[in-house]
N, C-alpha and C. Protein backbone atom coordinates (compact mmCIF):
# COMPACT_ATOMS: atom_id res chain seq x y z
N MET A 1 40.31 27.40 -29.57
CA MET A 1 39.93 28.30 -28.53
C MET A 1 39.30 29.12 -28.66
N ILE A 2 38.46 29.66 -28.14
CA ILE A 2 37.95 30.74 -28.41
C ILE A 2 38.33 31.35 -26.37
N ALA A 3 38.22 33.01 -26.39
CA ALA A 3 38.78 33.17 -25.77
C ALA A 3 38.05 34.97 -25.63
N GLU A 4 38.18 35.49 -24.77
CA GLU A 4 37.35 37.06 -24.68
C GLU A 4 38.46 37.71 -24.46
N GLN A 5 39.01 39.03 -25.20
CA GLN A 5 39.49 39.96 -24.79
C GLN A 5 38.73 41.10 -24.82
N ASN A 6 39.04 41.68 -24.31
CA ASN A 6 38.52 43.27 -24.17
C ASN A 6 36.61 43.60 -24.83
N ASP A 7 36.21 42.54 -24.10
CA ASP A 7 34.89 42.71 -24.44
C ASP A 7 34.69 41.81 -26.02
N GLN A 8 35.64 41.63 -26.28
CA GLN A 8 35.36 40.86 -28.03
C GLN A 8 36.09 39.59 -27.89
N LEU A 9 35.02 38.25 -28.40
CA LEU A 9 36.26 37.27 -28.57
C LEU A 9 36.91 36.87 -29.34
N VAL A 10 37.84 36.12 -29.25
CA VAL A 10 39.23 36.09 -30.45
C VAL A 10 39.47 34.79 -30.29
N ASP A 11 39.28 33.99 -31.77
CA ASP A 11 39.65 32.51 -31.69
C ASP A 11 41.13 32.40 -31.78
N PHE A 12 41.55 31.82 -31.11
CA PHE A 12 43.06 31.75 -31.52
C PHE A 12 43.32 30.63 -32.49
N PRO A 13 44.72 30.73 -33.12
CA PRO A 13 45.00 29.41 -33.97
C PRO A 13 45.14 27.89 -33.29
N THR A 14 44.60 27.02 -33.93
CA THR A 14 44.88 26.13 -33.48
C THR A 14 46.28 25.44 -34.14
N LEU A 15 47.18 25.09 -32.72
CA LEU A 15 48.84 23.88 -33.41
C LEU A 15 48.50 23.10 -32.89
N LEU A 16 49.51 22.34 -33.48
CA LEU A 16 49.86 20.71 -32.76
C LEU A 16 51.26 21.26 -32.74
N LEU A 17 51.74 20.56 -31.76
CA LEU A 17 53.22 20.27 -31.56
C LEU A 17 53.05 18.80 -31.02
N ALA A 18 54.61 18.71 -31.59
CA ALA A 18 54.50 16.32 -31.95
C ALA A 18 55.87 16.30 -31.66
N GLU A 19 56.81 16.39 -30.50
CA GLU A 19 57.48 16.15 -30.15
C GLU A 19 58.05 15.37 -29.15
N ASP A 20 59.14 14.39 -29.09
CA ASP A 20 59.03 13.57 -27.97
C ASP A 20 59.58 13.87 -26.69
N ASP A 21 60.64 15.33 -26.43
CA ASP A 21 61.00 16.14 -26.02
C ASP A 21 59.93 16.48 -25.02
N GLU A 22 59.85 16.28 -23.56
CA GLU A 22 59.08 16.21 -23.10
C GLU A 22 59.08 18.29 -22.46
N LEU A 23 60.51 18.12 -22.31
CA LEU A 23 60.51 19.62 -21.65
C LEU A 23 60.56 20.55 -22.30
N PHE A 24 61.31 20.16 -23.93
CA PHE A 24 61.15 20.97 -24.96
C PHE A 24 59.35 21.45 -25.29
N CYS A 25 58.66 20.73 -25.30
CA CYS A 25 56.78 20.65 -25.58
C CYS A 25 56.86 21.79 -24.07
N GLN A 26 56.98 21.56 -23.05
CA GLN A 26 56.94 22.62 -21.97
C GLN A 26 57.12 24.05 -22.41
N VAL A 27 57.93 24.06 -22.49
CA VAL A 27 58.93 25.30 -22.55
C VAL A 27 57.87 25.66 -23.67
N MET A 28 58.15 24.95 -25.56
CA MET A 28 57.77 25.97 -26.32
C MET A 28 56.24 25.84 -26.64
N GLY A 29 55.93 25.26 -25.52
CA GLY A 29 53.81 24.87 -25.72
C GLY A 29 53.60 26.48 -24.94
N GLN A 30 54.37 26.73 -23.46
CA GLN A 30 54.20 28.04 -22.94
C GLN A 30 54.11 29.40 -23.78
N ALA A 31 55.43 29.11 -24.71
CA ALA A 31 55.90 30.36 -25.35
C ALA A 31 54.73 30.40 -26.75
N LEU A 32 54.24 29.42 -27.22
CA LEU A 32 53.49 29.58 -28.30
C LEU A 32 52.36 29.70 -27.87
N THR A 33 51.74 29.86 -26.89
CA THR A 33 50.23 30.64 -26.38
C THR A 33 50.61 31.42 -25.39
N LYS A 34 51.55 31.71 -25.16
CA LYS A 34 51.57 33.75 -25.31
C LYS A 34 51.55 34.56 -26.28
N ARG A 35 51.88 33.77 -27.07
CA ARG A 35 51.49 34.19 -28.59
C ARG A 35 50.53 34.33 -29.19
N GLY A 36 49.35 33.81 -28.76
CA GLY A 36 48.08 33.73 -29.39
C GLY A 36 48.23 32.36 -30.37
N PHE A 37 48.35 31.35 -29.15
CA PHE A 37 48.06 29.97 -30.31
C PHE A 37 47.57 29.11 -29.15
N ASN A 38 46.50 28.67 -29.46
CA ASN A 38 46.02 27.29 -28.79
C ASN A 38 46.63 25.71 -28.99
N VAL A 39 48.13 25.55 -28.38
CA VAL A 39 48.29 24.64 -28.52
C VAL A 39 47.70 23.28 -28.34
N GLN A 40 48.41 21.91 -28.91
CA GLN A 40 48.10 20.90 -28.96
C GLN A 40 49.31 20.18 -28.14
N VAL A 41 49.27 19.49 -27.71
CA VAL A 41 50.74 17.86 -27.75
C VAL A 41 50.56 17.31 -27.67
N ALA A 42 51.29 16.42 -29.16
CA ALA A 42 51.34 14.83 -28.47
C ALA A 42 52.79 14.16 -29.44
N HIS A 43 54.13 13.85 -28.05
CA HIS A 43 55.20 12.81 -27.82
C HIS A 43 55.56 11.99 -29.11
N ASN A 44 54.24 11.77 -29.92
CA ASN A 44 54.47 10.59 -30.87
C ASN A 44 53.35 10.86 -32.08
N VAL A 45 53.90 10.21 -33.11
CA VAL A 45 53.44 10.42 -34.74
C VAL A 45 51.84 10.07 -34.27
N ASN A 46 51.79 8.74 -33.74
CA ASN A 46 50.07 8.21 -33.47
C ASN A 46 49.55 8.81 -32.54
N ASP A 47 49.58 9.76 -31.98
CA ASP A 47 49.21 10.66 -31.45
C ASP A 47 49.03 11.51 -32.23
N GLY A 48 49.76 12.55 -32.23
CA GLY A 48 49.58 13.54 -33.80
C GLY A 48 48.84 13.30 -34.42
N ILE A 49 48.57 12.15 -34.83
CA ILE A 49 47.75 12.06 -36.17
C ILE A 49 46.18 11.68 -35.21
N ALA A 50 45.79 11.16 -34.03
CA ALA A 50 44.61 10.79 -33.29
C ALA A 50 44.17 12.22 -32.84
N LEU A 51 44.98 13.33 -32.42
CA LEU A 51 44.66 14.61 -31.72
C LEU A 51 43.82 15.36 -33.30
N SER A 52 44.76 14.89 -34.64
CA SER A 52 44.48 15.96 -35.93
C SER A 52 43.06 15.42 -36.20
N GLU A 53 42.67 14.45 -36.75
CA GLU A 53 41.96 13.58 -36.92
C GLU A 53 40.96 14.36 -35.86
N LYS A 54 40.64 14.72 -34.65
CA LYS A 54 39.26 15.19 -34.16
C LYS A 54 39.33 16.58 -34.66
N ALA A 55 40.09 17.65 -35.27
CA ALA A 55 40.11 18.95 -35.86
C ALA A 55 41.65 19.26 -36.14
N ALA A 56 41.27 19.16 -37.47
CA ALA A 56 42.94 19.50 -38.16
C ALA A 56 43.52 20.55 -38.02
N PRO A 57 44.64 20.54 -37.20
CA PRO A 57 45.34 22.10 -37.02
C PRO A 57 45.71 23.02 -38.00
N GLU A 58 45.77 24.43 -37.58
CA GLU A 58 45.86 25.20 -38.45
C GLU A 58 47.53 25.36 -38.78
N PHE A 59 48.25 25.07 -37.75
CA PHE A 59 49.65 24.92 -38.16
C PHE A 59 50.22 24.07 -37.29
N ALA A 60 50.97 23.39 -37.63
CA ALA A 60 51.89 22.17 -36.91
C ALA A 60 53.82 22.00 -36.60
N ILE A 61 54.17 21.94 -35.54
CA ILE A 61 55.81 21.58 -35.63
C ILE A 61 55.31 20.64 -35.55
N VAL A 62 56.95 19.60 -36.06
CA VAL A 62 56.75 18.43 -36.01
C VAL A 62 57.54 18.04 -35.76
N ASP A 63 58.49 16.93 -34.58
CA ASP A 63 59.59 16.52 -35.01
C ASP A 63 60.38 15.34 -36.14
N LEU A 64 61.71 15.87 -36.12
CA LEU A 64 61.39 14.27 -37.11
C LEU A 64 61.84 13.29 -36.99
N SER A 65 62.45 12.65 -35.62
CA SER A 65 62.73 11.75 -35.00
C SER A 65 61.68 11.73 -33.49
N MET A 66 60.89 10.59 -33.41
CA MET A 66 60.18 9.97 -32.65
C MET A 66 60.62 9.23 -32.18
N PRO A 67 59.88 8.14 -31.30
CA PRO A 67 59.32 7.07 -30.81
C PRO A 67 58.48 6.48 -32.05
N GLY A 68 58.67 5.58 -32.52
CA GLY A 68 57.53 4.61 -33.71
C GLY A 68 57.85 5.40 -35.53
N PRO A 69 56.96 5.50 -35.57
CA PRO A 69 56.92 6.46 -37.04
C PRO A 69 57.52 7.85 -37.28
N SER A 70 58.50 7.98 -38.28
CA SER A 70 59.10 9.10 -38.52
C SER A 70 58.18 9.98 -37.99
N GLY A 71 58.32 11.17 -38.51
CA GLY A 71 57.68 12.31 -37.88
C GLY A 71 57.11 12.85 -39.43
N LEU A 72 57.91 12.80 -40.61
CA LEU A 72 57.60 12.90 -41.73
C LEU A 72 56.18 11.54 -42.07
N VAL A 73 55.92 10.74 -41.59
CA VAL A 73 54.09 10.32 -41.89
C VAL A 73 53.20 11.27 -40.87
N LEU A 74 53.89 12.04 -39.97
CA LEU A 74 52.32 13.11 -39.52
C LEU A 74 52.54 14.44 -40.00
N VAL A 75 53.31 14.82 -41.28
CA VAL A 75 53.55 15.33 -42.13
C VAL A 75 52.65 14.96 -43.04
N LYS A 76 52.52 14.25 -43.70
CA LYS A 76 51.84 13.04 -45.29
C LYS A 76 50.37 13.72 -44.22
N HIS A 77 50.32 13.49 -43.19
CA HIS A 77 49.15 12.76 -42.75
C HIS A 77 48.58 14.41 -42.84
N LEU A 78 48.93 15.17 -41.88
CA LEU A 78 48.40 16.36 -41.77
C LEU A 78 47.84 17.08 -42.91
N ILE A 79 48.77 17.12 -43.93
CA ILE A 79 48.26 17.89 -45.48
C ILE A 79 47.53 17.24 -45.45
N GLY A 80 47.36 15.66 -45.92
CA GLY A 80 46.82 14.84 -46.04
C GLY A 80 45.23 15.65 -46.04
N ILE A 81 44.56 15.79 -44.77
CA ILE A 81 43.67 15.93 -44.19
C ILE A 81 43.44 17.24 -44.17
N ASP A 82 44.28 18.16 -44.24
CA ASP A 82 44.50 19.88 -44.05
C ASP A 82 45.25 20.58 -45.20
N SER A 83 45.26 21.09 -47.01
CA SER A 83 46.27 20.96 -47.26
C SER A 83 46.62 22.45 -46.87
N HIS A 84 46.34 22.89 -46.01
CA HIS A 84 46.30 24.44 -45.98
C HIS A 84 47.07 24.55 -44.81
N THR A 85 47.31 23.74 -43.71
CA THR A 85 47.82 23.15 -42.62
C THR A 85 49.71 23.50 -41.92
N ARG A 86 49.89 24.29 -42.01
CA ARG A 86 51.34 25.26 -42.31
C ARG A 86 52.18 24.41 -41.11
N VAL A 87 53.19 23.19 -41.85
CA VAL A 87 53.81 22.69 -41.18
C VAL A 87 55.54 23.11 -41.12
N VAL A 88 55.86 22.90 -40.04
CA VAL A 88 57.28 23.32 -39.73
C VAL A 88 57.98 21.98 -38.91
N MET A 89 58.91 21.48 -40.07
CA MET A 89 59.46 19.94 -39.51
C MET A 89 60.92 21.34 -38.58
N LEU A 90 60.87 19.98 -37.36
CA LEU A 90 62.16 20.28 -36.62
C LEU A 90 62.81 19.30 -36.25
N THR A 91 64.18 19.24 -36.16
CA THR A 91 65.42 18.51 -36.13
C THR A 91 66.31 18.40 -34.97
N GLY A 92 66.76 17.46 -34.47
CA GLY A 92 68.58 17.49 -33.98
C GLY A 92 69.14 16.94 -35.13
N PHE A 93 68.40 16.52 -36.15
CA PHE A 93 69.56 15.81 -37.09
C PHE A 93 69.12 16.12 -38.36
N ALA A 94 69.42 17.47 -38.61
CA ALA A 94 69.22 17.02 -39.88
C ALA A 94 70.21 16.90 -41.22
N SER A 95 69.72 16.94 -42.13
CA SER A 95 70.25 16.18 -43.38
C SER A 95 69.42 16.84 -44.60
N ILE A 96 70.11 16.84 -45.83
CA ILE A 96 69.76 17.27 -47.07
C ILE A 96 68.08 16.43 -47.44
N ALA A 97 68.57 14.81 -47.03
CA ALA A 97 67.47 13.57 -47.91
C ALA A 97 66.49 14.31 -46.82
N THR A 98 65.94 14.77 -45.46
CA THR A 98 65.29 14.53 -44.61
C THR A 98 64.20 15.96 -45.36
N ALA A 99 65.33 16.42 -45.27
CA ALA A 99 64.85 18.52 -45.52
C ALA A 99 64.18 18.57 -46.39
N VAL A 100 64.19 17.32 -47.54
CA VAL A 100 63.80 17.51 -49.34
C VAL A 100 62.34 16.77 -49.25
N GLU A 101 62.46 15.18 -48.34
CA GLU A 101 61.15 15.01 -48.23
C GLU A 101 60.33 15.14 -47.65
N ALA A 102 61.02 16.40 -46.25
CA ALA A 102 59.65 17.02 -45.50
C ALA A 102 59.09 18.36 -46.26
N ILE A 103 59.79 18.46 -47.50
CA ILE A 103 59.41 19.81 -48.17
C ILE A 103 58.49 19.44 -49.79
N LYS A 104 58.60 17.86 -49.64
CA LYS A 104 58.04 17.39 -50.85
C LYS A 104 56.67 16.69 -50.02
N LEU A 105 56.48 16.82 -49.65
CA LEU A 105 55.38 15.72 -48.41
C LEU A 105 54.21 17.19 -47.80
N GLY A 106 55.18 18.13 -48.19
CA GLY A 106 54.62 19.54 -47.48
C GLY A 106 54.45 20.33 -46.44
N ALA A 107 55.78 20.25 -46.03
CA ALA A 107 56.23 21.13 -44.58
C ALA A 107 56.51 22.60 -45.59
N ILE A 108 56.08 23.71 -44.50
CA ILE A 108 56.87 24.78 -45.84
C ILE A 108 58.28 24.94 -45.12
N HIS A 109 58.47 24.49 -43.92
CA HIS A 109 60.16 25.26 -43.62
C HIS A 109 60.53 23.75 -42.44
N TYR A 110 62.36 23.49 -42.67
CA TYR A 110 62.63 22.39 -41.71
C TYR A 110 63.82 23.58 -40.85
N LEU A 111 63.52 23.52 -39.64
CA LEU A 111 64.56 23.98 -38.85
C LEU A 111 65.38 22.63 -38.28
N ALA A 112 66.28 23.04 -38.01
CA ALA A 112 67.40 22.61 -37.13
C ALA A 112 67.65 22.94 -35.72
N LYS A 113 67.56 21.72 -35.06
CA LYS A 113 67.26 22.48 -33.20
C LYS A 113 68.51 23.29 -33.28
N PRO A 114 68.65 23.92 -32.03
CA PRO A 114 67.95 24.43 -31.15
C PRO A 114 67.02 26.07 -31.71
N VAL A 115 65.57 26.03 -31.39
CA VAL A 115 65.18 26.82 -32.34
C VAL A 115 64.08 27.66 -30.84
N ASP A 116 63.91 28.91 -31.05
CA ASP A 116 63.18 29.63 -30.39
C ASP A 116 61.64 29.40 -30.86
N ALA A 117 60.60 29.76 -29.71
CA ALA A 117 59.17 29.90 -30.59
C ALA A 117 58.98 31.27 -31.98
N ASP A 118 59.90 32.41 -31.16
CA ASP A 118 59.99 33.27 -32.47
C ASP A 118 60.40 33.17 -34.13
N GLU A 119 61.16 31.99 -33.71
CA GLU A 119 61.91 31.29 -35.30
C GLU A 119 61.14 30.58 -35.91
N VAL A 120 60.20 29.61 -35.50
CA VAL A 120 59.16 28.87 -35.41
C VAL A 120 58.18 29.25 -36.29
N ILE A 121 57.29 31.17 -35.51
CA ILE A 121 56.77 31.78 -36.06
C ILE A 121 57.06 32.33 -37.24
N ALA A 122 58.08 32.37 -37.49
CA ALA A 122 58.50 33.65 -38.52
C ALA A 122 59.13 32.17 -39.29
N ALA A 123 59.07 30.96 -39.70
CA ALA A 123 58.55 30.36 -40.56
C ALA A 123 57.68 29.77 -40.88
N PHE A 124 56.67 29.91 -40.10
CA PHE A 124 55.33 29.75 -40.12
C PHE A 124 54.85 30.83 -41.60
N TYR A 125 55.25 31.64 -41.34
CA TYR A 125 54.82 33.01 -42.20
C TYR A 125 55.75 33.28 -43.42
N ARG A 126 56.79 32.75 -43.44
CA ARG A 126 57.90 32.90 -44.72
C ARG A 126 56.83 32.53 -45.81
N LYS A 127 56.56 33.27 -46.74
CA LYS A 127 56.47 32.95 -47.96
C LYS A 127 57.20 32.59 -48.98
N GLU A 128 58.34 33.48 -48.98
CA GLU A 128 59.23 32.85 -50.43
C GLU A 128 60.72 32.79 -49.65
N GLY A 129 61.33 31.82 -50.55
CA GLY A 129 62.55 31.47 -50.58
C GLY A 129 63.88 33.27 -50.17
N ASP A 130 64.54 32.54 -49.55
CA ASP A 130 66.04 34.02 -49.14
C ASP A 130 67.09 33.81 -50.41
N VAL A 131 67.13 34.82 -51.57
CA VAL A 131 68.24 34.20 -52.36
C VAL A 131 69.99 35.04 -52.02
N ASP A 132 69.33 35.97 -50.42
CA ASP A 132 70.72 35.76 -49.88
C ASP A 132 71.39 35.02 -48.85
N VAL A 133 70.75 33.81 -48.62
CA VAL A 133 71.33 32.97 -48.10
C VAL A 133 72.46 32.66 -48.00
N ASP A 134 73.11 32.37 -47.21
CA ASP A 134 75.10 31.84 -47.37
C ASP A 134 75.13 30.82 -47.99
N ILE A 135 76.02 30.76 -48.71
CA ILE A 135 76.25 29.51 -49.86
C ILE A 135 77.90 29.22 -48.76
N ALA A 136 77.72 27.19 -48.72
CA ALA A 136 78.99 27.10 -47.95
C ALA A 136 79.92 26.84 -49.40
N ILE A 137 81.18 27.45 -48.91
CA ILE A 137 82.27 27.42 -48.97
C ILE A 137 83.20 25.96 -50.09
N GLN A 138 83.23 25.52 -48.51
CA GLN A 138 83.74 24.59 -48.43
C GLN A 138 82.65 22.97 -48.75
N PRO A 139 83.05 21.70 -49.66
CA PRO A 139 82.26 20.94 -49.94
C PRO A 139 82.29 20.60 -48.98
N LEU A 140 81.18 18.72 -48.58
CA LEU A 140 80.94 18.46 -46.94
C LEU A 140 82.02 17.73 -47.30
N SER A 141 82.40 17.31 -45.52
CA SER A 141 83.40 16.34 -45.48
C SER A 141 83.12 14.37 -46.17
N VAL A 142 83.94 13.66 -45.67
CA VAL A 142 83.79 12.45 -45.86
C VAL A 142 82.39 12.12 -45.30
N ASN A 143 83.07 12.43 -43.84
CA ASN A 143 81.49 11.94 -42.90
C ASN A 143 80.49 12.09 -42.51
N ARG A 144 80.38 13.73 -43.21
CA ARG A 144 79.18 14.14 -43.47
C ARG A 144 78.50 13.79 -44.71
N MET A 145 79.12 13.42 -45.30
CA MET A 145 78.30 13.01 -46.96
C MET A 145 77.73 11.21 -46.35
N GLU A 146 78.73 11.00 -45.58
CA GLU A 146 78.64 9.53 -45.05
C GLU A 146 77.05 9.56 -44.44
N TRP A 147 76.82 10.67 -43.40
CA TRP A 147 75.67 10.80 -42.74
C TRP A 147 74.32 10.80 -43.84
N GLU A 148 74.79 11.81 -44.34
CA GLU A 148 73.46 12.32 -45.15
C GLU A 148 73.47 10.92 -46.60
N TYR A 149 74.36 10.18 -46.58
CA TYR A 149 73.89 9.80 -47.57
C TYR A 149 73.05 8.15 -46.69
N ILE A 150 73.02 8.16 -45.72
CA ILE A 150 72.41 6.84 -44.56
C ILE A 150 71.46 7.82 -44.07
N GLN A 151 70.99 9.40 -44.40
CA GLN A 151 70.09 9.48 -43.76
C GLN A 151 68.88 9.44 -45.00
N LYS A 152 69.64 9.09 -46.27
CA LYS A 152 68.98 9.14 -47.66
C LYS A 152 68.89 7.58 -47.52
N VAL A 153 69.25 6.57 -47.38
CA VAL A 153 68.43 5.69 -47.54
C VAL A 153 67.50 5.24 -46.72
N LEU A 154 68.18 5.98 -45.62
CA LEU A 154 67.16 4.76 -44.56
C LEU A 154 65.27 5.98 -44.87
N SER A 155 65.46 7.21 -45.34
CA SER A 155 64.06 7.52 -46.13
C SER A 155 63.82 7.27 -47.51
N ASP A 156 64.61 6.41 -48.10
CA ASP A 156 64.03 5.15 -48.95
C ASP A 156 63.08 4.20 -48.12
N HIS A 157 63.81 3.38 -46.85
CA HIS A 157 63.26 2.32 -46.57
C HIS A 157 62.10 2.60 -45.44
N ASN A 158 61.91 4.39 -45.61
CA ASN A 158 60.46 4.39 -44.80
C ASN A 158 61.01 4.52 -42.84
N GLY A 159 61.89 4.39 -42.82
CA GLY A 159 62.64 4.54 -41.44
C GLY A 159 62.80 3.56 -40.91
N ASN A 160 62.96 2.10 -41.44
CA ASN A 160 63.32 0.99 -41.30
C ASN A 160 64.55 0.56 -40.95
N ILE A 161 65.29 0.77 -39.80
CA ILE A 161 66.25 0.19 -39.98
C ILE A 161 67.02 -1.07 -40.12
N THR A 162 66.08 -1.89 -40.22
CA THR A 162 67.17 -3.07 -40.59
C THR A 162 66.66 -3.25 -41.90
N ALA A 163 66.18 -3.10 -43.06
CA ALA A 163 66.10 -2.88 -44.26
C ALA A 163 67.33 -1.86 -44.46
N THR A 164 67.05 -0.38 -43.92
CA THR A 164 68.29 0.63 -44.41
C THR A 164 69.67 -0.62 -44.10
N ALA A 165 69.52 -0.68 -43.57
CA ALA A 165 71.35 -1.77 -43.01
C ALA A 165 71.71 -2.89 -43.83
N ARG A 166 71.05 -3.34 -44.50
CA ARG A 166 70.84 -4.52 -45.50
C ARG A 166 71.28 -4.04 -46.76
N ALA A 167 70.26 -2.69 -47.08
CA ALA A 167 70.43 -2.06 -48.17
C ALA A 167 71.83 -1.61 -48.30
N LEU A 168 72.60 -1.31 -47.14
CA LEU A 168 74.06 -0.14 -47.14
C LEU A 168 74.72 -1.34 -46.72
N GLY A 169 74.38 -2.56 -46.59
CA GLY A 169 75.44 -3.77 -46.72
C GLY A 169 76.43 -3.47 -45.15
N MET A 170 75.86 -2.92 -43.93
CA MET A 170 76.04 -2.45 -42.80
C MET A 170 75.31 -3.81 -41.74
N HIS A 171 75.84 -3.90 -40.49
CA HIS A 171 75.45 -4.15 -39.61
C HIS A 171 74.39 -4.13 -38.75
N ARG A 172 73.00 -4.11 -38.53
CA ARG A 172 72.11 -3.24 -37.76
C ARG A 172 73.02 -2.74 -36.99
N ARG A 173 73.67 -3.14 -35.77
CA ARG A 173 73.61 -2.39 -34.78
C ARG A 173 74.90 -1.41 -34.74
N THR A 174 75.64 -1.85 -35.67
CA THR A 174 76.95 -0.48 -36.15
C THR A 174 75.76 0.69 -37.15
N LEU A 175 74.98 0.36 -37.48
CA LEU A 175 73.78 2.18 -38.16
C LEU A 175 73.18 2.42 -37.23
N GLN A 176 72.77 1.46 -36.28
CA GLN A 176 72.20 2.13 -34.73
C GLN A 176 73.09 3.15 -34.31
N ARG A 177 74.02 2.94 -34.05
CA ARG A 177 75.34 3.46 -33.47
C ARG A 177 75.73 4.75 -34.26
N LYS A 178 75.84 4.20 -35.82
CA LYS A 178 76.07 5.67 -36.28
C LYS A 178 75.15 6.75 -36.42
N LEU A 179 73.44 6.43 -36.16
CA LEU A 179 72.19 7.16 -36.44
C LEU A 179 72.02 7.69 -34.74
N GLN A 180 72.87 7.25 -33.66
CA GLN A 180 73.25 7.61 -32.48
C GLN A 180 73.44 8.99 -32.40
N LYS A 181 74.51 9.18 -32.81
CA LYS A 181 75.62 10.00 -33.05
C LYS A 181 74.81 11.40 -33.87
N ARG A 182 75.50 12.35 -33.32
CA ARG A 182 74.88 13.61 -33.56
C ARG A 182 75.87 13.67 -35.33
N PRO A 183 75.19 14.46 -36.17
CA PRO A 183 76.15 14.63 -37.42
C PRO A 183 76.78 15.24 -37.39
N LEU A 184 77.98 14.93 -38.17
CA LEU A 184 79.36 15.53 -38.40
C LEU A 184 78.56 16.59 -38.75
N ALA A 185 80.17 17.56 -39.06
CA ALA A 185 80.00 18.87 -39.16
C ALA A 185 80.33 18.92 -40.65
N ARG A 186 79.62 19.86 -41.45
CA ARG A 186 79.97 19.87 -43.01
C ARG A 186 81.26 20.65 -43.26
């Protein structure tokens, strides 16, 4: 989007916000627009792909879990059409496995919800790791390790619940119940 500001033309950077929570999109979209981004919203991966094929965004915020394919599919697509797109993965269900996969696919950062616009913008422009990040003193709980393992197997099976349940030797409904719960504390 090009806007006139003080008799000068200003070209705002494009940002794709792919998130199924409509209220979150509205609030985050408004906040990012106020901060100088031209925001386009998609509520699922397929809509995100369609928007990005019209014009590759310079920035993207992608929710991990949306109806249909995983947000990881959109990350791969966005980086495939423009390797310079700065993608931040958001999730309410953070796991080590999905964080690793998002980064491998080209996301520059992985943030656990809730987040605000300033945190996302900081993540877009952060170029280096933080050597002073807090390191957990306690090992993961057994319940958290189970959650992480389920997320890894789910990722290995491209988000296919049936194949994941089969690989885990678990009934599909049991796996679905476990996935609907929030991850347990570390």
